[in-house]
Amino acid sequence: SKRVLIVDDDINRRQLFSLVLGDLQCDLINSDTDSALTRLHHDEI
């Protein structure tokens, strides 16, 4: 499955994006700005 990283510092917007993208049939990963680069280096996005 494809993996999509959603980067936003607002947790409510991240949750909204997750709902909107629910039909993509992929793995959705939420992150704030501070941890985004760490996620990219350690996860296959």
ModelCIF file with pLDDT and N, C-alpha, C, O atoms, coordinates in Angstrom:
data_MODEL
#
_entry.id   MODEL 
#
_entity.id                         1 
_entity.type                       polymer 
_entity.pdbx_number_of_molecules   1 
#
_entity_poly.entity_id                      1 
_entity_poly.type                           'polypeptide(L)' 
_entity_poly.nstd_linkage                   no 
_entity_poly.nstd_monomer                   no 
_entity_poly.pdbx_seq_one_letter_code       SKRVLIVDDDINRRQLFSLVLGDLQCDLINSDTDSALTRLHHDEI 
_entity_poly.pdbx_seq_one_letter_code_can   SKRVLIVDDDINRRQLFSLVLGDLQCDLINSDTDSALTRLHHDEI 
_entity_poly.pdbx_strand_id                 A 
#
loop_
_entity_poly_seq.entity_id 
_entity_poly_seq.num 
_entity_poly_seq.mon_id 
_entity_poly_seq.hetero 
1 1  SER n 
1 2  LYS n 
1 3  ARG n 
1 4  VAL n 
1 5  LEU n 
1 6  ILE n 
1 7  VAL n 
1 8  ASP n 
1 9  ASP n 
1 10 ASP n 
1 11 ILE n 
1 12 ASN n 
1 13 ARG n 
1 14 ARG n 
1 15 GLN n 
1 16 LEU n 
1 17 PHE n 
1 18 SER n 
1 19 LEU n 
1 20 VAL n 
1 21 LEU n 
1 22 GLY n 
1 23 ASP n 
1 24 LEU n 
1 25 GLN n 
1 26 CYS n 
1 27 ASP n 
1 28 LEU n 
1 29 ILE n 
1 30 ASN n 
1 31 SER n 
1 32 ASP n 
1 33 THR n 
1 34 ASP n 
1 35 SER n 
1 36 ALA n 
1 37 LEU n 
1 38 THR n 
1 39 ARG n 
1 40 LEU n 
1 41 HIS n 
1 42 HIS n 
1 43 ASP n 
1 44 GLU n 
1 45 ILE n 
#
_struct_asym.id          A 
_struct_asym.entity_id   1 
#
loop_
_ma_qa_metric.id 
_ma_qa_metric.mode 
_ma_qa_metric.name 
_ma_qa_metric.software_group_id 
_ma_qa_metric.type 
1 global pLDDT . pLDDT 
2 local  pLDDT . pLDDT 
#
_ma_qa_metric_global.metric_id      1 
_ma_qa_metric_global.metric_value   85.89 
_ma_qa_metric_global.model_id       1 
_ma_qa_metric_global.ordinal_id     1 
#
loop_
_ma_qa_metric_local.label_asym_id 
_ma_qa_metric_local.label_comp_id 
_ma_qa_metric_local.label_seq_id 
_ma_qa_metric_local.metric_id 
_ma_qa_metric_local.metric_value 
_ma_qa_metric_local.model_id 
_ma_qa_metric_local.ordinal_id 
A SER 1  2 77.00 1 1  
A LYS 2  2 85.00 1 2  
A ARG 3  2 88.00 1 3  
A VAL 4  2 90.00 1 4  
A LEU 5  2 92.00 1 5  
A ILE 6  2 91.00 1 6  
A VAL 7  2 91.00 1 7  
A ASP 8  2 88.00 1 8  
A ASP 9  2 85.00 1 9  
A ASP 10 2 84.00 1 10 
A ILE 11 2 85.00 1 11 
A ASN 12 2 85.00 1 12 
A ARG 13 2 81.00 1 13 
A ARG 14 2 83.00 1 14 
A GLN 15 2 85.00 1 15 
A LEU 16 2 83.00 1 16 
A PHE 17 2 82.00 1 17 
A SER 18 2 84.00 1 18 
A LEU 19 2 84.00 1 19 
A VAL 20 2 81.00 1 20 
A LEU 21 2 83.00 1 21 
A GLY 22 2 80.00 1 22 
A ASP 23 2 79.00 1 23 
A LEU 24 2 81.00 1 24 
A GLN 25 2 79.00 1 25 
A CYS 26 2 86.00 1 26 
A ASP 27 2 88.00 1 27 
A LEU 28 2 89.00 1 28 
A ILE 29 2 90.00 1 29 
A ASN 30 2 90.00 1 30 
A SER 31 2 90.00 1 31 
A ASP 32 2 87.00 1 32 
A THR 33 2 85.00 1 33 
A ASP 34 2 85.00 1 34 
A SER 35 2 89.00 1 35 
A ALA 36 2 90.00 1 36 
A LEU 37 2 89.00 1 37 
A THR 38 2 90.00 1 38 
A ARG 39 2 89.00 1 39 
A LEU 40 2 90.00 1 40 
A HIS 41 2 85.00 1 41 
A HIS 42 2 86.00 1 42 
A ASP 43 2 86.00 1 43 
A GLU 44 2 85.00 1 44 
A ILE 45 2 90.00 1 45 
#
loop_
_atom_site.group_PDB 
_atom_site.id 
_atom_site.type_symbol 
_atom_site.label_atom_id 
_atom_site.label_alt_id 
_atom_site.label_comp_id 
_atom_site.label_asym_id 
_atom_site.label_entity_id 
_atom_site.label_seq_id 
_atom_site.pdbx_PDB_ins_code 
_atom_site.Cartn_x 
_atom_site.Cartn_y 
_atom_site.Cartn_z 
_atom_site.occupancy 
_atom_site.B_iso_or_equiv 
_atom_site.pdbx_formal_charge 
_atom_site.auth_seq_id 
_atom_site.auth_comp_id 
_atom_site.auth_asym_id 
_atom_site.auth_atom_id 
_atom_site.pdbx_PDB_model_num 
ATOM 1   N N  . SER A 1 1  ? 0.821   -1.197 0.000  1.00 77.00 ? 1  SER A N  1 
ATOM 2   C CA . SER A 1 1  ? 0.000   0.000  0.000  1.00 77.00 ? 1  SER A CA 1 
ATOM 3   C C  . SER A 1 1  ? 0.864   1.261  0.000  1.00 77.00 ? 1  SER A C  1 
ATOM 4   O O  . SER A 1 1  ? 1.902   1.319  0.659  1.00 77.00 ? 1  SER A O  1 
ATOM 5   N N  . LYS A 1 2  ? 0.411   2.274  -0.758 1.00 85.00 ? 2  LYS A N  1 
ATOM 6   C CA . LYS A 1 2  ? 1.110   3.561  -0.775 1.00 85.00 ? 2  LYS A CA 1 
ATOM 7   C C  . LYS A 1 2  ? 0.944   4.248  0.579  1.00 85.00 ? 2  LYS A C  1 
ATOM 8   O O  . LYS A 1 2  ? -0.042  4.037  1.285  1.00 85.00 ? 2  LYS A O  1 
ATOM 9   N N  . ARG A 1 3  ? 1.937   5.077  0.924  1.00 88.00 ? 3  ARG A N  1 
ATOM 10  C CA . ARG A 1 3  ? 1.895   5.768  2.212  1.00 88.00 ? 3  ARG A CA 1 
ATOM 11  C C  . ARG A 1 3  ? 1.944   7.273  1.971  1.00 88.00 ? 3  ARG A C  1 
ATOM 12  O O  . ARG A 1 3  ? 2.856   7.778  1.317  1.00 88.00 ? 3  ARG A O  1 
ATOM 13  N N  . VAL A 1 4  ? 0.953   7.980  2.507  1.00 90.00 ? 4  VAL A N  1 
ATOM 14  C CA . VAL A 1 4  ? 0.843   9.428  2.356  1.00 90.00 ? 4  VAL A CA 1 
ATOM 15  C C  . VAL A 1 4  ? 1.081   10.084 3.710  1.00 90.00 ? 4  VAL A C  1 
ATOM 16  O O  . VAL A 1 4  ? 0.421   9.759  4.697  1.00 90.00 ? 4  VAL A O  1 
ATOM 17  N N  . LEU A 1 5  ? 2.040   11.019 3.743  1.00 92.00 ? 5  LEU A N  1 
ATOM 18  C CA . LEU A 1 5  ? 2.340   11.754 4.973  1.00 92.00 ? 5  LEU A CA 1 
ATOM 19  C C  . LEU A 1 5  ? 1.623   13.100 4.936  1.00 92.00 ? 5  LEU A C  1 
ATOM 20  O O  . LEU A 1 5  ? 1.848   13.908 4.035  1.00 92.00 ? 5  LEU A O  1 
ATOM 21  N N  . ILE A 1 6  ? 0.763   13.332 5.917  1.00 91.00 ? 6  ILE A N  1 
ATOM 22  C CA . ILE A 1 6  ? 0.042   14.598 6.038  1.00 91.00 ? 6  ILE A CA 1 
ATOM 23  C C  . ILE A 1 6  ? 0.756   15.450 7.072  1.00 91.00 ? 6  ILE A C  1 
ATOM 24  O O  . ILE A 1 6  ? 0.846   15.071 8.240  1.00 91.00 ? 6  ILE A O  1 
ATOM 25  N N  . VAL A 1 7  ? 1.268   16.604 6.646  1.00 91.00 ? 7  VAL A N  1 
ATOM 26  C CA . VAL A 1 7  ? 2.048   17.464 7.541  1.00 91.00 ? 7  VAL A CA 1 
ATOM 27  C C  . VAL A 1 7  ? 1.272   18.744 7.827  1.00 91.00 ? 7  VAL A C  1 
ATOM 28  O O  . VAL A 1 7  ? 1.030   19.550 6.928  1.00 91.00 ? 7  VAL A O  1 
ATOM 29  N N  . ASP A 1 8  ? 0.890   18.921 9.074  1.00 88.00 ? 8  ASP A N  1 
ATOM 30  C CA . ASP A 1 8  ? 0.180   20.129 9.505  1.00 88.00 ? 8  ASP A CA 1 
ATOM 31  C C  . ASP A 1 8  ? 0.330   20.228 11.015 1.00 88.00 ? 8  ASP A C  1 
ATOM 32  O O  . ASP A 1 8  ? 0.259   19.216 11.712 1.00 88.00 ? 8  ASP A O  1 
ATOM 33  N N  . ASP A 1 9  ? 0.536   21.430 11.525 1.00 85.00 ? 9  ASP A N  1 
ATOM 34  C CA . ASP A 1 9  ? 0.683   21.615 12.969 1.00 85.00 ? 9  ASP A CA 1 
ATOM 35  C C  . ASP A 1 9  ? -0.658  21.640 13.697 1.00 85.00 ? 9  ASP A C  1 
ATOM 36  O O  . ASP A 1 9  ? -0.704  21.556 14.925 1.00 85.00 ? 9  ASP A O  1 
ATOM 37  N N  . ASP A 1 10 ? -1.742  21.755 12.944 1.00 84.00 ? 10 ASP A N  1 
ATOM 38  C CA . ASP A 1 10 ? -3.080  21.783 13.533 1.00 84.00 ? 10 ASP A CA 1 
ATOM 39  C C  . ASP A 1 10 ? -3.657  20.364 13.508 1.00 84.00 ? 10 ASP A C  1 
ATOM 40  O O  . ASP A 1 10 ? -3.969  19.842 12.438 1.00 84.00 ? 10 ASP A O  1 
ATOM 41  N N  . ILE A 1 11 ? -3.799  19.746 14.675 1.00 85.00 ? 11 ILE A N  1 
ATOM 42  C CA . ILE A 1 11 ? -4.275  18.366 14.742 1.00 85.00 ? 11 ILE A CA 1 
ATOM 43  C C  . ILE A 1 11 ? -5.678  18.220 14.171 1.00 85.00 ? 11 ILE A C  1 
ATOM 44  O O  . ILE A 1 11 ? -6.009  17.177 13.606 1.00 85.00 ? 11 ILE A O  1 
ATOM 45  N N  . ASN A 1 12 ? -6.507  19.248 14.308 1.00 85.00 ? 12 ASN A N  1 
ATOM 46  C CA . ASN A 1 12 ? -7.864  19.181 13.768 1.00 85.00 ? 12 ASN A CA 1 
ATOM 47  C C  . ASN A 1 12 ? -7.850  19.143 12.241 1.00 85.00 ? 12 ASN A C  1 
ATOM 48  O O  . ASN A 1 12 ? -8.639  18.426 11.625 1.00 85.00 ? 12 ASN A O  1 
ATOM 49  N N  . ARG A 1 13 ? -6.945  19.922 11.630 1.00 81.00 ? 13 ARG A N  1 
ATOM 50  C CA . ARG A 1 13 ? -6.844  19.890 10.174 1.00 81.00 ? 13 ARG A CA 1 
ATOM 51  C C  . ARG A 1 13 ? -6.290  18.556 9.702  1.00 81.00 ? 13 ARG A C  1 
ATOM 52  O O  . ARG A 1 13 ? -6.719  18.029 8.675  1.00 81.00 ? 13 ARG A O  1 
ATOM 53  N N  . ARG A 1 14 ? -5.325  18.003 10.460 1.00 83.00 ? 14 ARG A N  1 
ATOM 54  C CA . ARG A 1 14 ? -4.782  16.690 10.087 1.00 83.00 ? 14 ARG A CA 1 
ATOM 55  C C  . ARG A 1 14 ? -5.891  15.642 10.088 1.00 83.00 ? 14 ARG A C  1 
ATOM 56  O O  . ARG A 1 14 ? -5.971  14.809 9.185  1.00 83.00 ? 14 ARG A O  1 
ATOM 57  N N  . GLN A 1 15 ? -6.727  15.690 11.091 1.00 85.00 ? 15 GLN A N  1 
ATOM 58  C CA . GLN A 1 15 ? -7.832  14.726 11.174 1.00 85.00 ? 15 GLN A CA 1 
ATOM 59  C C  . GLN A 1 15 ? -8.828  14.939 10.039 1.00 85.00 ? 15 GLN A C  1 
ATOM 60  O O  . GLN A 1 15 ? -9.383  13.979 9.504  1.00 85.00 ? 15 GLN A O  1 
ATOM 61  N N  . LEU A 1 16 ? -9.053  16.206 9.673  1.00 83.00 ? 16 LEU A N  1 
ATOM 62  C CA . LEU A 1 16 ? -9.964  16.505 8.568  1.00 83.00 ? 16 LEU A CA 1 
ATOM 63  C C  . LEU A 1 16 ? -9.416  15.971 7.254  1.00 83.00 ? 16 LEU A C  1 
ATOM 64  O O  . LEU A 1 16 ? -10.143 15.370 6.463  1.00 83.00 ? 16 LEU A O  1 
ATOM 65  N N  . PHE A 1 17 ? -8.114  16.200 7.029  1.00 82.00 ? 17 PHE A N  1 
ATOM 66  C CA . PHE A 1 17 ? -7.491  15.679 5.811  1.00 82.00 ? 17 PHE A CA 1 
ATOM 67  C C  . PHE A 1 17 ? -7.584  14.155 5.767  1.00 82.00 ? 17 PHE A C  1 
ATOM 68  O O  . PHE A 1 17 ? -7.813  13.572 4.707  1.00 82.00 ? 17 PHE A O  1 
ATOM 69  N N  . SER A 1 18 ? -7.407  13.519 6.913  1.00 84.00 ? 18 SER A N  1 
ATOM 70  C CA . SER A 1 18 ? -7.482  12.059 6.970  1.00 84.00 ? 18 SER A CA 1 
ATOM 71  C C  . SER A 1 18 ? -8.865  11.574 6.563  1.00 84.00 ? 18 SER A C  1 
ATOM 72  O O  . SER A 1 18 ? -8.993  10.561 5.875  1.00 84.00 ? 18 SER A O  1 
ATOM 73  N N  . LEU A 1 19 ? -9.907  12.298 6.989  1.00 84.00 ? 19 LEU A N  1 
ATOM 74  C CA . LEU A 1 19 ? -11.266 11.924 6.605  1.00 84.00 ? 19 LEU A CA 1 
ATOM 75  C C  . LEU A 1 19 ? -11.487 12.117 5.113  1.00 84.00 ? 19 LEU A C  1 
ATOM 76  O O  . LEU A 1 19 ? -12.088 11.271 4.451  1.00 84.00 ? 19 LEU A O  1 
ATOM 77  N N  . VAL A 1 20 ? -10.993 13.248 4.582  1.00 81.00 ? 20 VAL A N  1 
ATOM 78  C CA . VAL A 1 20 ? -11.158 13.542 3.160  1.00 81.00 ? 20 VAL A CA 1 
ATOM 79  C C  . VAL A 1 20 ? -10.445 12.498 2.301  1.00 81.00 ? 20 VAL A C  1 
ATOM 80  O O  . VAL A 1 20 ? -10.941 12.112 1.242  1.00 81.00 ? 20 VAL A O  1 
ATOM 81  N N  . LEU A 1 21 ? -9.278  12.044 2.765  1.00 83.00 ? 21 LEU A N  1 
ATOM 82  C CA . LEU A 1 21 ? -8.459  11.119 1.982  1.00 83.00 ? 21 LEU A CA 1 
ATOM 83  C C  . LEU A 1 21 ? -8.777  9.657  2.277  1.00 83.00 ? 21 LEU A C  1 
ATOM 84  O O  . LEU A 1 21 ? -8.069  8.758  1.822  1.00 83.00 ? 21 LEU A O  1 
ATOM 85  N N  . GLY A 1 22 ? -9.836  9.424  3.033  1.00 80.00 ? 22 GLY A N  1 
ATOM 86  C CA . GLY A 1 22 ? -10.159 8.054  3.429  1.00 80.00 ? 22 GLY A CA 1 
ATOM 87  C C  . GLY A 1 22 ? -10.429 7.116  2.267  1.00 80.00 ? 22 GLY A C  1 
ATOM 88  O O  . GLY A 1 22 ? -10.249 5.904  2.393  1.00 80.00 ? 22 GLY A O  1 
ATOM 89  N N  . ASP A 1 23 ? -10.867 7.668  1.119  1.00 79.00 ? 23 ASP A N  1 
ATOM 90  C CA . ASP A 1 23 ? -11.180 6.835  -0.043 1.00 79.00 ? 23 ASP A CA 1 
ATOM 91  C C  . ASP A 1 23 ? -9.958  6.466  -0.874 1.00 79.00 ? 23 ASP A C  1 
ATOM 92  O O  . ASP A 1 23 ? -10.091 5.773  -1.883 1.00 79.00 ? 23 ASP A O  1 
ATOM 93  N N  . LEU A 1 24 ? -8.787  6.907  -0.478 1.00 81.00 ? 24 LEU A N  1 
ATOM 94  C CA . LEU A 1 24 ? -7.593  6.649  -1.280 1.00 81.00 ? 24 LEU A CA 1 
ATOM 95  C C  . LEU A 1 24 ? -7.105  5.206  -1.189 1.00 81.00 ? 24 LEU A C  1 
ATOM 96  O O  . LEU A 1 24 ? -6.338  4.754  -2.039 1.00 81.00 ? 24 LEU A O  1 
ATOM 97  N N  . GLN A 1 25 ? -7.546  4.486  -0.164 1.00 79.00 ? 25 GLN A N  1 
ATOM 98  C CA . GLN A 1 25 ? -7.098  3.108  0.058  1.00 79.00 ? 25 GLN A CA 1 
ATOM 99  C C  . GLN A 1 25 ? -5.574  3.042  0.154  1.00 79.00 ? 25 GLN A C  1 
ATOM 100 O O  . GLN A 1 25 ? -4.918  2.267  -0.541 1.00 79.00 ? 25 GLN A O  1 
ATOM 101 N N  . CYS A 1 26 ? -5.036  3.880  1.035  1.00 86.00 ? 26 CYS A N  1 
ATOM 102 C CA . CYS A 1 26 ? -3.602  3.896  1.292  1.00 86.00 ? 26 CYS A CA 1 
ATOM 103 C C  . CYS A 1 26 ? -3.382  4.133  2.780  1.00 86.00 ? 26 CYS A C  1 
ATOM 104 O O  . CYS A 1 26 ? -4.327  4.405  3.520  1.00 86.00 ? 26 CYS A O  1 
ATOM 105 N N  . ASP A 1 27 ? -2.134  4.028  3.209  1.00 88.00 ? 27 ASP A N  1 
ATOM 106 C CA . ASP A 1 27 ? -1.808  4.291  4.610  1.00 88.00 ? 27 ASP A CA 1 
ATOM 107 C C  . ASP A 1 27 ? -1.600  5.790  4.799  1.00 88.00 ? 27 ASP A C  1 
ATOM 108 O O  . ASP A 1 27 ? -0.758  6.396  4.137  1.00 88.00 ? 27 ASP A O  1 
ATOM 109 N N  . LEU A 1 28 ? -2.371  6.379  5.704  1.00 89.00 ? 28 LEU A N  1 
ATOM 110 C CA . LEU A 1 28 ? -2.258  7.802  5.999  1.00 89.00 ? 28 LEU A CA 1 
ATOM 111 C C  . LEU A 1 28 ? -1.497  7.983  7.302  1.00 89.00 ? 28 LEU A C  1 
ATOM 112 O O  . LEU A 1 28 ? -1.835  7.380  8.321  1.00 89.00 ? 28 LEU A O  1 
ATOM 113 N N  . ILE A 1 29 ? -0.459  8.826  7.259  1.00 90.00 ? 29 ILE A N  1 
ATOM 114 C CA . ILE A 1 29 ? 0.372   9.076  8.425  1.00 90.00 ? 29 ILE A CA 1 
ATOM 115 C C  . ILE A 1 29 ? 0.328   10.566 8.731  1.00 90.00 ? 29 ILE A C  1 
ATOM 116 O O  . ILE A 1 29 ? 0.595   11.391 7.857  1.00 90.00 ? 29 ILE A O  1 
ATOM 117 N N  . ASN A 1 30 ? -0.007  10.913 9.968  1.00 90.00 ? 30 ASN A N  1 
ATOM 118 C CA . ASN A 1 30 ? -0.093  12.312 10.376 1.00 90.00 ? 30 ASN A CA 1 
ATOM 119 C C  . ASN A 1 30 ? 1.184   12.752 11.082 1.00 90.00 ? 30 ASN A C  1 
ATOM 120 O O  . ASN A 1 30 ? 1.792   11.987 11.831 1.00 90.00 ? 30 ASN A O  1 
ATOM 121 N N  . SER A 1 31 ? 1.581   13.997 10.831 1.00 90.00 ? 31 SER A N  1 
ATOM 122 C CA . SER A 1 31 ? 2.792   14.504 11.478 1.00 90.00 ? 31 SER A CA 1 
ATOM 123 C C  . SER A 1 31 ? 2.707   16.021 11.609 1.00 90.00 ? 31 SER A C  1 
ATOM 124 O O  . SER A 1 31 ? 2.107   16.702 10.779 1.00 90.00 ? 31 SER A O  1 
ATOM 125 N N  . ASP A 1 32 ? 3.326   16.532 12.679 1.00 87.00 ? 32 ASP A N  1 
ATOM 126 C CA . ASP A 1 32 ? 3.509   17.979 12.759 1.00 87.00 ? 32 ASP A CA 1 
ATOM 127 C C  . ASP A 1 32 ? 4.839   18.321 12.082 1.00 87.00 ? 32 ASP A C  1 
ATOM 128 O O  . ASP A 1 32 ? 5.564   17.432 11.634 1.00 87.00 ? 32 ASP A O  1 
ATOM 129 N N  . THR A 1 33 ? 5.147   19.609 12.014 1.00 85.00 ? 33 THR A N  1 
ATOM 130 C CA . THR A 1 33 ? 6.347   20.047 11.298 1.00 85.00 ? 33 THR A CA 1 
ATOM 131 C C  . THR A 1 33 ? 7.620   19.520 11.928 1.00 85.00 ? 33 THR A C  1 
ATOM 132 O O  . THR A 1 33 ? 8.527   19.079 11.221 1.00 85.00 ? 33 THR A O  1 
ATOM 133 N N  . ASP A 1 34 ? 7.700   19.560 13.256 1.00 85.00 ? 34 ASP A N  1 
ATOM 134 C CA . ASP A 1 34 ? 8.942   19.211 13.945 1.00 85.00 ? 34 ASP A CA 1 
ATOM 135 C C  . ASP A 1 34 ? 9.368   17.767 13.701 1.00 85.00 ? 34 ASP A C  1 
ATOM 136 O O  . ASP A 1 34 ? 10.562  17.471 13.668 1.00 85.00 ? 34 ASP A O  1 
ATOM 137 N N  . SER A 1 35 ? 8.413   16.881 13.532 1.00 89.00 ? 35 SER A N  1 
ATOM 138 C CA . SER A 1 35 ? 8.759   15.466 13.366 1.00 89.00 ? 35 SER A CA 1 
ATOM 139 C C  . SER A 1 35 ? 8.671   14.994 11.918 1.00 89.00 ? 35 SER A C  1 
ATOM 140 O O  . SER A 1 35 ? 8.921   13.822 11.637 1.00 89.00 ? 35 SER A O  1 
ATOM 141 N N  . ALA A 1 36 ? 8.321   15.889 10.996 1.00 90.00 ? 36 ALA A N  1 
ATOM 142 C CA . ALA A 1 36 ? 8.109   15.489 9.601  1.00 90.00 ? 36 ALA A CA 1 
ATOM 143 C C  . ALA A 1 36 ? 9.374   14.930 8.961  1.00 90.00 ? 36 ALA A C  1 
ATOM 144 O O  . ALA A 1 36 ? 9.324   13.866 8.344  1.00 90.00 ? 36 ALA A O  1 
ATOM 145 N N  . LEU A 1 37 ? 10.504  15.618 9.090  1.00 89.00 ? 37 LEU A N  1 
ATOM 146 C CA . LEU A 1 37 ? 11.741  15.149 8.463  1.00 89.00 ? 37 LEU A CA 1 
ATOM 147 C C  . LEU A 1 37 ? 12.197  13.828 9.065  1.00 89.00 ? 37 LEU A C  1 
ATOM 148 O O  . LEU A 1 37 ? 12.709  12.962 8.356  1.00 89.00 ? 37 LEU A O  1 
ATOM 149 N N  . THR A 1 38 ? 12.013  13.672 10.376 1.00 90.00 ? 38 THR A N  1 
ATOM 150 C CA . THR A 1 38 ? 12.370  12.401 11.012 1.00 90.00 ? 38 THR A CA 1 
ATOM 151 C C  . THR A 1 38 ? 11.525  11.275 10.435 1.00 90.00 ? 38 THR A C  1 
ATOM 152 O O  . THR A 1 38 ? 12.032  10.187 10.162 1.00 90.00 ? 38 THR A O  1 
ATOM 153 N N  . ARG A 1 39 ? 10.241  11.536 10.252 1.00 89.00 ? 39 ARG A N  1 
ATOM 154 C CA . ARG A 1 39 ? 9.351   10.557 9.647  1.00 89.00 ? 39 ARG A CA 1 
ATOM 155 C C  . ARG A 1 39 ? 9.842   10.177 8.253  1.00 89.00 ? 39 ARG A C  1 
ATOM 156 O O  . ARG A 1 39 ? 9.875   8.999  7.897  1.00 89.00 ? 39 ARG A O  1 
ATOM 157 N N  . LEU A 1 40 ? 10.218  11.170 7.478  1.00 90.00 ? 40 LEU A N  1 
ATOM 158 C CA . LEU A 1 40 ? 10.636  10.916 6.101  1.00 90.00 ? 40 LEU A CA 1 
ATOM 159 C C  . LEU A 1 40 ? 11.915  10.091 6.041  1.00 90.00 ? 40 LEU A C  1 
ATOM 160 O O  . LEU A 1 40 ? 12.085  9.266  5.143  1.00 90.00 ? 40 LEU A O  1 
ATOM 161 N N  . HIS A 1 41 ? 12.811  10.313 6.992  1.00 85.00 ? 41 HIS A N  1 
ATOM 162 C CA . HIS A 1 41 ? 14.076  9.583  6.996  1.00 85.00 ? 41 HIS A CA 1 
ATOM 163 C C  . HIS A 1 41 ? 13.919  8.148  7.494  1.00 85.00 ? 41 HIS A C  1 
ATOM 164 O O  . HIS A 1 41 ? 14.712  7.276  7.139  1.00 85.00 ? 41 HIS A O  1 
ATOM 165 N N  . HIS A 1 42 ? 12.897  7.902  8.315  1.00 86.00 ? 42 HIS A N  1 
ATOM 166 C CA . HIS A 1 42 ? 12.770  6.572  8.924  1.00 86.00 ? 42 HIS A CA 1 
ATOM 167 C C  . HIS A 1 42 ? 11.634  5.736  8.343  1.00 86.00 ? 42 HIS A C  1 
ATOM 168 O O  . HIS A 1 42 ? 11.650  4.511  8.465  1.00 86.00 ? 42 HIS A O  1 
ATOM 169 N N  . ASP A 1 43 ? 10.637  6.381  7.708  1.00 86.00 ? 43 ASP A N  1 
ATOM 170 C CA . ASP A 1 43 ? 9.516   5.651  7.127  1.00 86.00 ? 43 ASP A CA 1 
ATOM 171 C C  . ASP A 1 43 ? 9.576   5.723  5.606  1.00 86.00 ? 43 ASP A C  1 
ATOM 172 O O  . ASP A 1 43 ? 10.132  6.669  5.047  1.00 86.00 ? 43 ASP A O  1 
ATOM 173 N N  . GLU A 1 44 ? 9.020   4.752  4.953  1.00 85.00 ? 44 GLU A N  1 
ATOM 174 C CA . GLU A 1 44 ? 8.949   4.769  3.495  1.00 85.00 ? 44 GLU A CA 1 
ATOM 175 C C  . GLU A 1 44 ? 7.682   5.508  3.084  1.00 85.00 ? 44 GLU A C  1 
ATOM 176 O O  . GLU A 1 44 ? 6.585   4.950  3.090  1.00 85.00 ? 44 GLU A O  1 
ATOM 177 N N  . ILE A 1 45 ? 7.862   6.782  2.725  1.00 90.00 ? 45 ILE A N  1 
ATOM 178 C CA . ILE A 1 45 ? 6.737   7.646  2.358  1.00 90.00 ? 45 ILE A CA 1 
ATOM 179 C C  . ILE A 1 45 ? 6.710   7.803  0.840  1.00 90.00 ? 45 ILE A C  1 
ATOM 180 O O  . ILE A 1 45 ? 5.842   8.493  0.305  1.00 90.00 ? 45 ILE A O  1 
#
